[in-house]
Each structure stands twice: as C-alpha cells, then as structure tokens.
Amino acid sequence: MLFLGLGTGLGSALIVENLLEPMELVHLPYKKGRSYEDYVGLAGLKRLGKKRWRHHVTKIVEQLKRAVQADYVVIGGGNARLLKKLPPATRLGDNANAFKGGNRLWQKLYSSTQERFVH
C-alpha cells in the first residue's frame, strides 16, 4: 500500500508486509523543474486552483502507484477532502487512523528505548 498525504506538502509512505517505509518521493522532479509536492501540496493548490490541482493529483497518484508497484493507494491529509473523485485503485484514509497509528509507533519506540536503558 502506498500512502499519500495531501496537506501543506505531500507526505508519502509505503507499507509492505506490515513494514512501514517513509519515503521522500515528493521531492522528485515532476514538471517544469518543480517537484510532485510543488504541484499537489498547498502551494500547488493555490497556484493552480482546485480543478487543475485535482487533475495533477490524479496523474501523480497514478505515476507513483506504478513506480512503487503498489496494489492500492490510500489518500489522506487535510486537503484530501477537496477531491471530488478518487483516482482508480485508491481510497480515502481517515486522519483518526493516522493519529492511532502514530501513537502505536511512538509507544513501541518509547518502550523499546526504555528496555535498553533498564537492562
């Protein structure tokens, strides 16, 4: 699964066999010397307007999905709500799940750090 977060910028992560791999795909060049993030982040939304921004979101989701060979894409983040139609093989993520997942990762990291100092 590829996760793409549409917010101030563009977040990306790949999950393969229950392993999370944060990715910096968003900084790769896309068009006219600009990155993916420049087109689908908040700056791109303001520069392009909603209609053109949505078009680039669809193109970028399809390109990144193919590039990482993801089975499907979850789109989240604050600006995901601005999409009228989702690109093929995508679904909307819920920000509540992001907070739960982040908390689980933090707890796991915290407990493993504590074990190293106790033993």
Protein backbone atom coordinates (compact mmCIF):
# COMPACT_ATOMS: atom_id res chain seq x y z
CA MET A 1 0.00 0.00 0.00
CA LEU A 2 1.18 3.49 -0.84
CA PHE A 3 0.03 6.30 1.44
CA LEU A 4 -0.03 9.84 0.12
CA GLY A 5 -0.89 12.70 2.46
CA LEU A 6 -2.23 15.84 0.83
CA GLY A 7 -1.66 18.72 3.19
CA THR A 8 0.72 21.64 3.41
CA GLY A 9 3.12 19.48 1.42
CA LEU A 10 2.86 15.90 0.23
CA GLY A 11 3.67 13.04 2.55
CA SER A 12 4.43 9.56 1.31
CA ALA A 13 4.99 6.15 2.84
CA LEU A 14 4.97 2.59 1.59
CA ILE A 15 3.71 -0.34 3.63
CA VAL A 16 4.92 -3.78 2.52
CA GLU A 17 4.20 -6.91 4.57
CA ASN A 18 3.35 -4.81 7.64
CA LEU A 19 6.59 -2.81 7.45
CA LEU A 20 6.34 0.95 7.18
CA GLU A 21 8.85 2.72 4.95
CA PRO A 22 8.63 6.52 4.96
CA MET A 23 9.54 7.83 1.53
CA GLU A 24 10.63 11.15 0.07
CA LEU A 25 9.10 10.58 -3.36
CA VAL A 26 7.53 14.00 -3.18
CA HIS A 27 10.81 15.78 -3.87
CA LEU A 28 11.40 14.01 -7.18
CA PRO A 29 11.07 16.19 -10.27
CA TYR A 30 7.65 16.22 -11.89
CA LYS A 31 7.19 19.05 -14.41
CA LYS A 32 8.88 22.30 -15.39
CA GLY A 33 11.62 21.93 -12.77
CA ARG A 34 9.09 21.51 -9.97
CA SER A 35 8.55 18.54 -7.68
CA TYR A 36 5.45 16.44 -7.08
CA GLU A 37 4.96 18.38 -3.85
CA ASP A 38 5.04 21.69 -5.73
CA TYR A 39 2.02 20.56 -7.72
CA VAL A 40 -0.17 18.80 -5.15
CA GLY A 41 0.86 20.47 -1.90
CA LEU A 42 -0.84 23.62 -0.64
CA ALA A 43 1.34 25.87 -2.81
CA GLY A 44 0.23 23.95 -5.91
CA LEU A 45 -3.42 24.18 -4.89
CA LYS A 46 -3.12 27.95 -4.52
CA ARG A 47 -1.15 28.38 -7.75
CA LEU A 48 -3.23 26.04 -9.93
CA GLY A 49 -6.74 26.31 -8.49
CA LYS A 50 -8.84 23.31 -7.46
CA LYS A 51 -9.68 21.97 -10.92
CA ARG A 52 -6.09 21.83 -12.22
CA TRP A 53 -4.82 20.72 -8.80
CA ARG A 54 -7.23 17.74 -8.86
CA HIS A 55 -6.01 16.83 -12.35
CA HIS A 56 -2.39 16.75 -11.14
CA VAL A 57 -3.33 14.77 -8.02
CA THR A 58 -4.82 12.06 -10.26
CA LYS A 59 -1.79 11.99 -12.58
CA ILE A 60 0.70 11.93 -9.71
CA VAL A 61 -1.16 9.22 -7.78
CA GLU A 62 -1.17 7.03 -10.89
CA GLN A 63 2.53 7.66 -11.59
CA LEU A 64 3.68 6.97 -8.03
CA LYS A 65 1.47 3.88 -7.74
CA ARG A 66 3.09 2.44 -10.88
CA ALA A 67 6.59 3.46 -9.79
CA VAL A 68 6.43 1.63 -6.45
CA GLN A 69 4.17 -1.16 -7.78
CA ALA A 70 1.59 -0.61 -5.05
CA ASP A 71 -1.59 -2.68 -5.00
CA TYR A 72 -3.56 0.36 -3.93
CA VAL A 73 -3.17 3.90 -2.63
CA VAL A 74 -4.63 5.50 0.48
CA ILE A 75 -5.01 9.26 0.22
CA GLY A 76 -5.16 11.22 3.45
CA GLY A 77 -4.31 14.59 4.85
CA GLY A 78 -6.32 17.76 5.22
CA ASN A 79 -6.69 18.51 1.50
CA ALA A 80 -7.87 15.03 0.54
CA ARG A 81 -11.39 16.27 1.30
CA LEU A 82 -11.11 18.58 -1.73
CA LEU A 83 -11.09 15.68 -4.17
CA LYS A 84 -14.41 15.22 -5.95
CA LYS A 85 -13.49 11.88 -7.49
CA LEU A 86 -10.78 9.50 -6.35
CA PRO A 87 -8.21 8.16 -8.82
CA PRO A 88 -8.54 4.44 -9.70
CA ALA A 89 -7.39 1.90 -7.06
CA THR A 90 -7.44 4.49 -4.27
CA ARG A 91 -9.41 5.10 -1.12
CA LEU A 92 -9.60 7.91 1.38
CA GLY A 93 -7.80 7.45 4.66
CA ASP A 94 -9.17 8.77 7.92
CA ASN A 95 -6.96 11.16 9.86
CA ALA A 96 -8.14 9.50 13.07
CA ASN A 97 -6.35 6.35 11.90
CA ALA A 98 -3.18 8.36 11.31
CA PHE A 99 -3.22 9.53 14.93
CA LYS A 100 -3.82 5.98 16.20
CA GLY A 101 -1.00 4.61 14.04
CA GLY A 102 1.37 7.37 15.07
CA ASN A 103 0.59 6.72 18.72
CA ARG A 104 1.26 2.99 18.29
CA LEU A 105 4.61 3.70 16.66
CA TRP A 106 5.51 6.16 19.40
CA GLN A 107 4.57 3.68 22.14
CA LYS A 108 6.61 0.91 20.50
CA LEU A 109 9.62 3.21 20.07
CA TYR A 110 9.31 4.52 23.64
CA SER A 111 9.02 1.05 25.19
CA SER A 112 12.00 -0.33 23.20
CA THR A 113 14.09 2.69 24.25
CA GLN A 114 13.14 2.17 27.89
CA GLU A 115 14.12 -1.52 27.72
CA ARG A 116 17.61 -0.62 26.50
CA PHE A 117 18.18 1.70 29.45
CA VAL A 118 16.72 -0.64 32.08
CA HIS A 119 18.79 -3.70 31.12
